[in-house]
C-alpha atoms as a PDB file:
ATOM      1  CA  MET A   1      27.582  24.891  30.091  1.00  0.00           C
ATOM      2  CA  HIS A   2      30.099  21.314  29.787  1.00  0.00           C
ATOM      3  CA  ARG A   3      33.620  22.118  31.872  1.00  0.00           C
ATOM      4  CA  LEU A   4      35.480  21.657  28.916  1.00  0.00           C
ATOM      5  CA  GLU A   5      33.897  24.906  27.474  1.00  0.00           C
ATOM      6  CA  ARG A   6      34.374  27.665  30.566  1.00  0.00           C
ATOM      7  CA  GLU A   7      36.761  30.112  29.878  1.00  0.00           C
ATOM      8  CA  LEU A   8      39.451  31.449  32.096  1.00  0.00           C
ATOM      9  CA  VAL A   9      39.955  34.914  33.383  1.00  0.00           C
ATOM     10  CA  CYS A  10      43.778  36.289  34.566  1.00  0.00           C
ATOM     11  CA  SER A  11      43.311  37.966  38.051  1.00  0.00           C
ATOM     12  CA  SER A  12      45.490  40.597  38.185  1.00  0.00           C
ATOM     13  CA  HIS A  13      47.988  39.545  40.768  1.00  0.00           C
ATOM     14  CA  THR A  14      48.545  36.255  38.657  1.00  0.00           C
ATOM     15  CA  VAL A  15      50.178  38.088  36.082  1.00  0.00           C
ATOM     16  CA  SER A  16      51.923  41.588  37.953  1.00  0.00           C
ATOM     17  CA  GLY A  17      54.978  39.951  38.508  1.00  0.00           C
ATOM     18  CA  VAL A  18      55.306  41.629  42.516  1.00  0.00           C
ATOM     19  CA  THR A  19      53.321  40.638  45.430  1.00  0.00           C
ATOM     20  CA  PRO A  20      50.533  42.685  46.914  1.00  0.00           C
ATOM     21  CA  GLY A  21      51.529  45.555  48.962  1.00  0.00           C
ATOM     22  CA  GLY A  22      54.181  46.985  47.044  1.00  0.00           C
ATOM     23  CA  PRO A  23      54.758  50.571  46.125  1.00  0.00           C
ATOM     24  CA  VAL A  24      53.229  49.323  42.523  1.00  0.00           C
ATOM     25  CA  THR A  25      50.472  46.850  41.142  1.00  0.00           C
ATOM     26  CA  SER A  26      53.034  45.564  38.471  1.00  0.00           C
ATOM     27  CA  ARG A  27      56.652  45.529  37.014  1.00  0.00           C
ATOM     28  CA  HIS A  28      54.538  44.924  33.345  1.00  0.00           C
ATOM     29  CA  GLY A  29      53.687  47.079  31.820  1.00  0.00           C
ATOM     30  CA  PHE A  30      49.911  46.860  30.983  1.00  0.00           C
ATOM     31  CA  ASP A  31      49.938  46.055  26.647  1.00  0.00           C
ATOM     32  CA  ALA A  32      52.980  43.233  27.495  1.00  0.00           C
ATOM     33  CA  ARG A  33      50.517  41.734  30.471  1.00  0.00           C
ATOM     34  CA  VAL A  34      46.769  41.700  28.116  1.00  0.00           C
ATOM     35  CA  ALA A  35      49.135  40.230  25.149  1.00  0.00           C
ATOM     36  CA  ALA A  36      50.574  37.243  27.502  1.00  0.00           C
ATOM     37  CA  CYS A  37      46.913  36.669  28.650  1.00  0.00           C
ATOM     38  CA  ALA A  38      45.351  36.479  25.081  1.00  0.00           C
ATOM     39  CA  ALA A  39      48.494  34.281  23.814  1.00  0.00           C
ATOM     40  CA  ALA A  40      48.232  31.540  27.043  1.00  0.00           C
ATOM     41  CA  GLY A  41      44.309  31.276  26.673  1.00  0.00           C
ATOM     42  CA  TYR A  42      42.700  33.635  28.797  1.00  0.00           C
ATOM     43  CA  SER A  43      40.037  35.517  27.287  1.00  0.00           C
ATOM     44  CA  GLY A  44      39.691  38.004  30.064  1.00  0.00           C
ATOM     45  CA  MET A  45      41.177  39.451  33.322  1.00  0.00           C
ATOM     46  CA  CYS A  46      39.967  40.833  35.862  1.00  0.00           C
ATOM     47  CA  LEU A  47      42.224  44.331  36.733  1.00  0.00           C
ATOM     48  CA  HIS A  48      42.891  46.465  40.063  1.00  0.00           C
ATOM     49  CA  PHE A  49      41.579  49.690  40.033  1.00  0.00           C
ATOM     50  CA  ARG A  50      45.151  50.706  41.741  1.00  0.00           C
ATOM     51  CA  ASP A  51      47.071  49.894  38.286  1.00  0.00           C
ATOM     52  CA  TYR A  52      44.163  51.934  36.022  1.00  0.00           C
ATOM     53  CA  ALA A  53      45.425  54.534  38.172  1.00  0.00           C
ATOM     54  CA  GLU A  54      49.040  53.710  37.290  1.00  0.00           C
ATOM     55  CA  GLN A  55      47.835  53.752  33.531  1.00  0.00           C
ATOM     56  CA  ARG A  56      46.431  56.871  33.809  1.00  0.00           C
ATOM     57  CA  ALA A  57      49.266  58.429  35.379  1.00  0.00           C
ATOM     58  CA  ALA A  58      51.756  57.178  32.858  1.00  0.00           C
ATOM     59  CA  GLY A  59      49.802  58.758  29.970  1.00  0.00           C
ATOM     60  CA  TYR A  60      47.007  56.178  28.767  1.00  0.00           C
ATOM     61  CA  GLY A  61      44.034  57.487  28.083  1.00  0.00           C
ATOM     62  CA  ASP A  62      40.527  55.342  28.370  1.00  0.00           C
ATOM     63  CA  GLU A  63      39.940  54.623  25.060  1.00  0.00           C
ATOM     64  CA  GLN A  64      43.491  53.226  24.728  1.00  0.00           C
ATOM     65  CA  LEU A  65      43.199  50.951  27.374  1.00  0.00           C
ATOM     66  CA  ARG A  66      39.560  49.671  26.008  1.00  0.00           C
ATOM     67  CA  GLU A  67      41.712  49.337  22.640  1.00  0.00           C
ATOM     68  CA  VAL A  68      44.341  46.950  23.730  1.00  0.00           C
ATOM     69  CA  LEU A  69      41.670  44.713  26.054  1.00  0.00           C
ATOM     70  CA  ALA A  70      39.836  43.794  22.500  1.00  0.00           C
ATOM     71  CA  ARG A  71      42.503  43.706  20.150  1.00  0.00           C
ATOM     72  CA  HIS A  72      43.273  40.460  22.532  1.00  0.00           C
ATOM     73  CA  GLY A  73      40.131  39.839  22.663  1.00  0.00           C
ATOM     74  CA  MET A  74      39.360  40.217  26.233  1.00  0.00           C
ATOM     75  CA  VAL A  75      35.612  39.977  27.011  1.00  0.00           C
ATOM     76  CA  HIS A  76      35.361  39.090  30.023  1.00  0.00           C
ATOM     77  CA  LEU A  77      36.474  41.821  32.123  1.00  0.00           C
ATOM     78  CA  SER A  78      35.891  43.135  35.714  1.00  0.00           C
ATOM     79  CA  VAL A  79      38.002  45.276  38.612  1.00  0.00           C
ATOM     80  CA  GLU A  80      39.321  44.806  42.143  1.00  0.00           C
ATOM     81  CA  PHE A  81      39.656  45.553  45.086  1.00  0.00           C
ATOM     82  CA  LEU A  82      37.713  47.367  47.447  1.00  0.00           C
ATOM     83  CA  SER A  83      38.020  46.426  50.342  1.00  0.00           C
ATOM     84  CA  ASP A  84      37.454  50.159  52.842  1.00  0.00           C
ATOM     85  CA  TRP A  85      34.161  50.380  51.357  1.00  0.00           C
ATOM     86  CA  PHE A  86      32.207  50.453  54.401  1.00  0.00           C
ATOM     87  CA  LEU A  87      34.349  53.399  56.060  1.00  0.00           C
ATOM     88  CA  SER A  88      33.585  56.776  55.475  1.00  0.00           C
ATOM     89  CA  ASP A  89      37.048  58.602  55.416  1.00  0.00           C
ATOM     90  CA  PRO A  90      38.286  60.292  52.184  1.00  0.00           C
ATOM     91  CA  ASP A  91      39.828  57.886  51.210  1.00  0.00           C
ATOM     92  CA  ALA A  92      37.662  55.184  50.822  1.00  0.00           C
ATOM     93  CA  ARG A  93      35.813  57.860  48.947  1.00  0.00           C
ATOM     94  CA  ARG A  94      38.210  57.781  46.404  1.00  0.00           C
ATOM     95  CA  ASN A  95      39.328  54.619  46.471  1.00  0.00           C
ATOM     96  CA  GLU A  96      35.411  54.156  45.249  1.00  0.00           C
ATOM     97  CA  ALA A  97      36.188  56.866  42.617  1.00  0.00           C
ATOM     98  CA  MET A  98      38.483  55.225  41.014  1.00  0.00           C
ATOM     99  CA  ALA A  99      37.313  51.756  40.815  1.00  0.00           C
ATOM    100  CA  PHE A 100      34.127  52.865  39.638  1.00  0.00           C
ATOM    101  CA  ASP A 101      36.165  54.958  36.795  1.00  0.00           C
ATOM    102  CA  ALA A 102      38.476  51.916  35.988  1.00  0.00           C
ATOM    103  CA  ALA A 103      35.339  49.874  35.547  1.00  0.00           C
ATOM    104  CA  ARG A 104      33.467  52.582  33.251  1.00  0.00           C
ATOM    105  CA  ALA A 105      37.198  52.607  30.949  1.00  0.00           C
ATOM    106  CA  TYR A 106      37.396  49.334  30.581  1.00  0.00           C
ATOM    107  CA  ARG A 107      33.751  48.638  30.171  1.00  0.00           C
ATOM    108  CA  ALA A 108      33.323  46.258  33.160  1.00  0.00           C
ATOM    109  CA  GLY A 109      30.414  45.194  34.438  1.00  0.00           C
ATOM    110  CA  LEU A 110      32.290  43.555  37.601  1.00  0.00           C
ATOM    111  CA  LEU A 111      33.571  45.327  40.890  1.00  0.00           C
ATOM    112  CA  HIS A 112      35.308  43.378  43.424  1.00  0.00           C
ATOM    113  CA  VAL A 113      34.907  43.679  47.283  1.00  0.00           C
ATOM    114  CA  GLY A 114      35.939  42.302  50.141  1.00  0.00           C
ATOM    115  CA  PRO A 115      34.547  42.441  53.596  1.00  0.00           C
ATOM    116  CA  ASP A 116      36.581  44.044  56.729  1.00  0.00           C
ATOM    117  CA  LEU A 117      40.156  42.470  56.772  1.00  0.00           C
ATOM    118  CA  ALA A 118      41.435  44.360  59.413  1.00  0.00           C
ATOM    119  CA  GLY A 119      39.194  43.335  62.603  1.00  0.00           C
ATOM    120  CA  ARG A 120      38.068  46.355  63.139  1.00  0.00           C
ATOM    121  CA  GLY A 121      34.830  45.708  64.564  1.00  0.00           C
ATOM    122  CA  VAL A 122      32.059  46.553  62.167  1.00  0.00           C
ATOM    123  CA  SER A 123      28.959  45.730  62.878  1.00  0.00           C
ATOM    124  CA  HIS A 124      26.897  43.422  60.841  1.00  0.00           C
ATOM    125  CA  GLU A 125      24.257  46.301  60.862  1.00  0.00           C
ATOM    126  CA  GLN A 126      26.356  48.581  59.419  1.00  0.00           C
ATOM    127  CA  MET A 127      28.279  46.308  56.905  1.00  0.00           C
ATOM    128  CA  ARG A 128      24.418  46.014  55.217  1.00  0.00           C
ATOM    129  CA  THR A 129      24.168  49.555  55.610  1.00  0.00           C
ATOM    130  CA  SER A 130      26.854  50.164  54.194  1.00  0.00           C
ATOM    131  CA  PHE A 131      27.334  47.519  50.965  1.00  0.00           C
ATOM    132  CA  LEU A 132      23.544  48.744  50.118  1.00  0.00           C
ATOM    133  CA  ALA A 133      24.694  52.253  49.811  1.00  0.00           C
ATOM    134  CA  LEU A 134      27.923  50.725  47.366  1.00  0.00           C
ATOM    135  CA  CYS A 135      25.377  48.540  45.386  1.00  0.00           C
ATOM    136  CA  GLU A 136      22.622  51.566  44.842  1.00  0.00           C
ATOM    137  CA  ARG A 137      25.994  54.011  43.923  1.00  0.00           C
ATOM    138  CA  ALA A 138      27.141  51.049  41.681  1.00  0.00           C
ATOM    139  CA  ALA A 139      23.567  50.121  39.979  1.00  0.00           C
ATOM    140  CA  ARG A 140      23.573  53.800  38.651  1.00  0.00           C
ATOM    141  CA  ARG A 141      26.854  53.150  36.515  1.00  0.00           C
ATOM    142  CA  GLY A 142      25.586  49.199  35.269  1.00  0.00           C
ATOM    143  CA  ILE A 143      27.619  47.602  37.605  1.00  0.00           C
ATOM    144  CA  ALA A 144      27.505  44.562  39.640  1.00  0.00           C
ATOM    145  CA  ILE A 145      29.078  44.199  43.143  1.00  0.00           C
ATOM    146  CA  ALA A 146      30.063  40.542  44.074  1.00  0.00           C
ATOM    147  CA  LEU A 147      31.530  40.180  47.696  1.00  0.00           C
ATOM    148  CA  GLU A 148      34.202  37.379  48.359  1.00  0.00           C
ATOM    149  CA  ILE A 149      34.117  35.772  51.376  1.00  0.00           C
ATOM    150  CA  VAL A 150      37.543  35.444  53.001  1.00  0.00           C
ATOM    151  CA  ALA A 151      38.808  33.577  55.532  1.00  0.00           C
ATOM    152  CA  TRP A 152      40.060  36.204  58.035  1.00  0.00           C
ATOM    153  CA  GLY A 153      37.660  39.242  57.701  1.00  0.00           C
ATOM    154  CA  ASN A 154      34.002  39.290  58.654  1.00  0.00           C
ATOM    155  CA  VAL A 155      32.502  37.658  56.429  1.00  0.00           C
ATOM    156  CA  ARG A 156      34.193  34.055  56.362  1.00  0.00           C
ATOM    157  CA  ASP A 157      31.032  31.943  55.761  1.00  0.00           C
ATOM    158  CA  VAL A 158      27.849  31.375  53.844  1.00  0.00           C
ATOM    159  CA  ASP A 159      25.015  32.044  55.899  1.00  0.00           C
ATOM    160  CA  THR A 160      27.085  36.258  56.342  1.00  0.00           C
ATOM    161  CA  ALA A 161      27.204  36.860  52.892  1.00  0.00           C
ATOM    162  CA  LEU A 162      23.990  35.198  51.845  1.00  0.00           C
ATOM    163  CA  ALA A 163      22.512  37.702  54.692  1.00  0.00           C
ATOM    164  CA  LEU A 164      24.578  40.772  53.225  1.00  0.00           C
ATOM    165  CA  ILE A 165      23.243  40.430  49.574  1.00  0.00           C
ATOM    166  CA  ASP A 166      20.266  39.231  50.404  1.00  0.00           C
ATOM    167  CA  GLY A 167      17.533  41.148  48.316  1.00  0.00           C
ATOM    168  CA  ILE A 168      20.125  43.691  46.687  1.00  0.00           C
ATOM    169  CA  PRO A 169      19.560  42.903  42.636  1.00  0.00           C
ATOM    170  CA  ASN A 170      23.237  43.572  41.655  1.00  0.00           C
ATOM    171  CA  ALA A 171      25.079  41.807  44.131  1.00  0.00           C
ATOM    172  CA  GLY A 172      26.456  38.802  44.785  1.00  0.00           C
ATOM    173  CA  LEU A 173      29.506  37.075  45.553  1.00  0.00           C
ATOM    174  CA  VAL A 174      33.013  36.066  44.319  1.00  0.00           C
ATOM    175  CA  ILE A 175      33.714  32.471  45.670  1.00  0.00           C
ATOM    176  CA  ASP A 176      37.519  31.555  45.852  1.00  0.00           C
ATOM    177  CA  ILE A 177      39.164  28.042  46.846  1.00  0.00           C
ATOM    178  CA  TRP A 178      41.156  29.442  49.008  1.00  0.00           C
ATOM    179  CA  HIS A 179      39.303  31.102  51.242  1.00  0.00           C
ATOM    180  CA  PHE A 180      36.770  28.495  51.435  1.00  0.00           C
ATOM    181  CA  ALA A 181      39.463  25.571  51.884  1.00  0.00           C
ATOM    182  CA  ARG A 182      41.442  28.008  54.596  1.00  0.00           C
ATOM    183  CA  GLY A 183      38.356  28.915  56.406  1.00  0.00           C
ATOM    184  CA  GLY A 184      37.143  25.205  56.364  1.00  0.00           C
ATOM    185  CA  ILE A 185      34.100  25.595  54.571  1.00  0.00           C
ATOM    186  CA  PRO A 186      32.552  22.411  52.907  1.00  0.00           C
ATOM    187  CA  PHE A 187      32.194  22.491  49.126  1.00  0.00           C
ATOM    188  CA  SER A 188      28.749  21.265  49.863  1.00  0.00           C
ATOM    189  CA  GLU A 189      28.088  24.898  50.877  1.00  0.00           C
ATOM    190  CA  LEU A 190      27.903  25.718  47.375  1.00  0.00           C
ATOM    191  CA  ALA A 191      25.072  24.438  46.391  1.00  0.00           C
ATOM    192  CA  ARG A 192      22.797  26.992  48.945  1.00  0.00           C
ATOM    193  CA  ILE A 193      23.958  29.884  46.901  1.00  0.00           C
ATOM    194  CA  PRO A 194      21.885  30.553  43.999  1.00  0.00           C
ATOM    195  CA  ALA A 195      23.790  30.508  41.007  1.00  0.00           C
ATOM    196  CA  ASP A 196      23.354  33.531  39.550  1.00  0.00           C
ATOM    197  CA  ARG A 197      24.404  34.890  43.006  1.00  0.00           C
ATOM    198  CA  ILE A 198      27.731  33.626  42.335  1.00  0.00           C
ATOM    199  CA  LEU A 199      29.198  36.374  40.025  1.00  0.00           C
ATOM    200  CA  SER A 200      32.797  34.968  40.015  1.00  0.00           C
ATOM    201  CA  VAL A 201      34.873  31.779  41.308  1.00  0.00           C
ATOM    202  CA  GLN A 202      38.439  32.318  41.376  1.00  0.00           C
ATOM    203  CA  LEU A 203      40.943  29.294  41.391  1.00  0.00           C
ATOM    204  CA  ASN A 204      44.596  28.716  42.911  1.00  0.00           C
ATOM    205  CA  ASP A 205      46.092  25.829  45.145  1.00  0.00           C
ATOM    206  CA  GLY A 206      47.521  25.891  48.458  1.00  0.00           C
ATOM    207  CA  ALA A 207      50.507  24.262  50.693  1.00  0.00           C
ATOM    208  CA  ARG A 208      49.330  21.608  53.426  1.00  0.00           C
ATOM    209  CA  GLU A 209      50.971  23.621  56.068  1.00  0.00           C
ATOM    210  CA  LEU A 210      49.970  27.274  56.867  1.00  0.00           C
ATOM    211  CA  VAL A 211      53.058  30.127  56.278  1.00  0.00           C
ATOM    212  CA  GLY A 212      52.266  32.223  58.984  1.00  0.00           C
ATOM    213  CA  LEU A 213      48.482  33.081  59.890  1.00  0.00           C
ATOM    214  CA  VAL A 214      46.175  32.925  57.713  1.00  0.00           C
ATOM    215  CA  SER A 215      46.579  35.924  56.038  1.00  0.00           C
ATOM    216  CA  GLU A 216      49.657  36.205  55.765  1.00  0.00           C
ATOM    217  CA  ASP A 217      49.197  32.610  53.826  1.00  0.00           C
ATOM    218  CA  THR A 218      47.105  34.681  51.577  1.00  0.00           C
ATOM    219  CA  LEU A 219      50.489  35.429  49.680  1.00  0.00           C
ATOM    220  CA  HIS A 220      51.946  32.148  49.249  1.00  0.00           C
ATOM    221  CA  ARG A 221      49.361  30.695  47.271  1.00  0.00           C
ATOM    222  CA  LYS A 222      50.629  27.689  44.574  1.00  0.00           C
ATOM    223  CA  LEU A 223      49.707  27.181  41.089  1.00  0.00           C
ATOM    224  CA  CYS A 224      46.712  24.644  40.646  1.00  0.00           C
ATOM    225  CA  GLY A 225      47.866  20.848  40.928  1.00  0.00           C
ATOM    226  CA  GLU A 226      51.155  22.138  42.776  1.00  0.00           C
ATOM    227  CA  GLY A 227      49.304  22.222  46.207  1.00  0.00           C
ATOM    228  CA  VAL A 228      47.061  20.283  48.376  1.00  0.00           C
ATOM    229  CA  PHE A 229      43.594  21.730  47.702  1.00  0.00           C
ATOM    230  CA  ASP A 230      40.404  18.856  46.422  1.00  0.00           C
ATOM    231  CA  LEU A 231      40.440  21.480  43.048  1.00  0.00           C
ATOM    232  CA  ILE A 232      38.541  18.733  40.925  1.00  0.00           C
ATOM    233  CA  GLY A 233      36.072  18.604  44.142  1.00  0.00           C
ATOM    234  CA  PHE A 234      35.496  22.216  43.960  1.00  0.00           C
ATOM    235  CA  VAL A 235      35.168  22.017  40.440  1.00  0.00           C
ATOM    236  CA  SER A 236      32.842  19.354  40.089  1.00  0.00           C
ATOM    237  CA  ALA A 237      30.906  21.153  42.700  1.00  0.00           C
ATOM    238  CA  LEU A 238      30.489  24.316  41.008  1.00  0.00           C
ATOM    239  CA  ASP A 239      29.210  22.368  37.975  1.00  0.00           C
ATOM    240  CA  ALA A 240      26.660  20.870  40.051  1.00  0.00           C
ATOM    241  CA  ALA A 241      25.278  24.055  41.593  1.00  0.00           C
ATOM    242  CA  GLY A 242      24.383  24.937  37.923  1.00  0.00           C
ATOM    243  CA  VAL A 243      27.706  27.796  37.903  1.00  0.00           C
ATOM    244  CA  LYS A 244      28.011  29.303  34.645  1.00  0.00           C
ATOM    245  CA  VAL A 245      30.542  32.209  34.959  1.00  0.00           C
ATOM    246  CA  PRO A 246      34.003  31.827  33.471  1.00  0.00           C
ATOM    247  CA  LEU A 247      36.713  30.999  36.525  1.00  0.00           C
ATOM    248  CA  SER A 248      39.585  33.328  37.102  1.00  0.00           C
ATOM    249  CA  VAL A 249      42.707  32.133  37.549  1.00  0.00           C
ATOM    250  CA  GLU A 250      44.224  33.873  40.603  1.00  0.00           C
ATOM    251  CA  VAL A 251      47.505  32.756  42.551  1.00  0.00           C
ATOM    252  CA  ILE A 252      49.564  35.172  45.101  1.00  0.00           C
ATOM    253  CA  GLY A 253      53.196  34.055  45.428  1.00  0.00           C
ATOM    254  CA  PRO A 254      56.626  35.315  45.318  1.00  0.00           C
ATOM    255  CA  GLU A 255      58.045  32.519  43.322  1.00  0.00           C
ATOM    256  CA  LEU A 256      55.373  33.170  40.396  1.00  0.00           C
ATOM    257  CA  ALA A 257      55.687  36.284  40.471  1.00  0.00           C
ATOM    258  CA  SER A 258      59.396  36.062  40.022  1.00  0.00           C
ATOM    259  CA  ARG A 259      58.748  34.550  36.466  1.00  0.00           C
ATOM    260  CA  ASP A 260      59.067  35.643  33.212  1.00  0.00           C
ATOM    261  CA  LEU A 261      55.981  36.846  32.214  1.00  0.00           C
ATOM    262  CA  ALA A 262      55.258  34.534  29.427  1.00  0.00           C
ATOM    263  CA  ASP A 263      55.789  32.028  31.404  1.00  0.00           C
ATOM    264  CA  ALA A 264      53.558  32.991  34.446  1.00  0.00           C
ATOM    265  CA  ALA A 265      50.895  33.688  32.078  1.00  0.00           C
ATOM    266  CA  PHE A 266      51.007  30.143  30.163  1.00  0.00           C
ATOM    267  CA  THR A 267      51.988  28.186  33.455  1.00  0.00           C
ATOM    268  CA  SER A 268      48.978  29.812  35.837  1.00  0.00           C
ATOM    269  CA  PHE A 269      46.982  28.799  32.164  1.00  0.00           C
ATOM    270  CA  ALA A 270      48.146  25.442  31.318  1.00  0.00           C
ATOM    271  CA  THR A 271      47.963  24.331  35.028  1.00  0.00           C
ATOM    272  CA  THR A 272      44.528  25.305  35.243  1.00  0.00           C
ATOM    273  CA  TRP A 273      42.841  24.124  32.591  1.00  0.00           C
ATOM    274  CA  GLN A 274      44.353  20.827  33.507  1.00  0.00           C
ATOM    275  CA  VAL A 275      42.383  20.621  36.774  1.00  0.00           C
ATOM    276  CA  ILE A 276      39.077  21.114  34.652  1.00  0.00           C
ATOM    277  CA  ARG A 277      40.150  18.459  32.279  1.00  0.00           C
ATOM    278  CA  ASP A 278      40.349  16.286  34.697  1.00  0.00           C
ATOM    279  CA  ALA A 279      37.020  17.604  36.438  1.00  0.00           C
ATOM    280  CA  VAL A 280      35.662  15.877  33.373  1.00  0.00           C
ATOM    281  CA  MET A 281      37.143  12.808  33.073  1.00  0.00           C
ATOM    282  CA  THR A 282      36.771  11.759  36.593  1.00  0.00           C
ATOM    283  CA  ALA A 283      32.896  12.429  36.592  1.00  0.00           C
END
């Protein structure tokens, strides 16, 4: 695929209008977010399972949600973000069930999950056993599981990630430039991952200096081209590795969250598209 043929997906936080961890997943209505993303040029969205729960509580039916997405041409759909799938408590099982319901409702074939982000000391063996079971449950629903490499999690390098997904047909990885840059992972590592195992790619930018701990700094990302990340090198490395998936724009931060919805959608799309164009020009 030529780089300028890439389609862009809008990640939920990019147009939520809020900082993660608050009482609601978005300050903008569902219809308005989908319409704004379509108008900006996005052809897909990654929607949070908690957002789905809020829409259902507000009276939306599954068919109504699907109709909104279809009407605005959203064809690349995924669900995020399970971070407790390896636990056995009731909350973890409820979250998983809701995420599966969201995927069914949106007709999304991909669910993003994270590693242990809380330093619980979960062993690799427990992670592998739980991940295999999760993927088996997802496979029965026609869902693939994309595990994200996270700079402060217990899956923070390519070797660990590949070991967890090894031999599982419906498993792959989420590759986020933020976690590669902040985690010190060379972009050359992308060549070690089979291209068909990279199920999602997330783009954003970051400042030279961290804001607090790495886990805090992730809430202070920048629009593509407004920080110091080598985005052109990253996109070029993806191309060289044969990665074909649409690129997802995931910008989390108070500055973008404070913007008007249409501005957030348009600017996040335009700045990312410029990076892709620049990568072509420098190839």
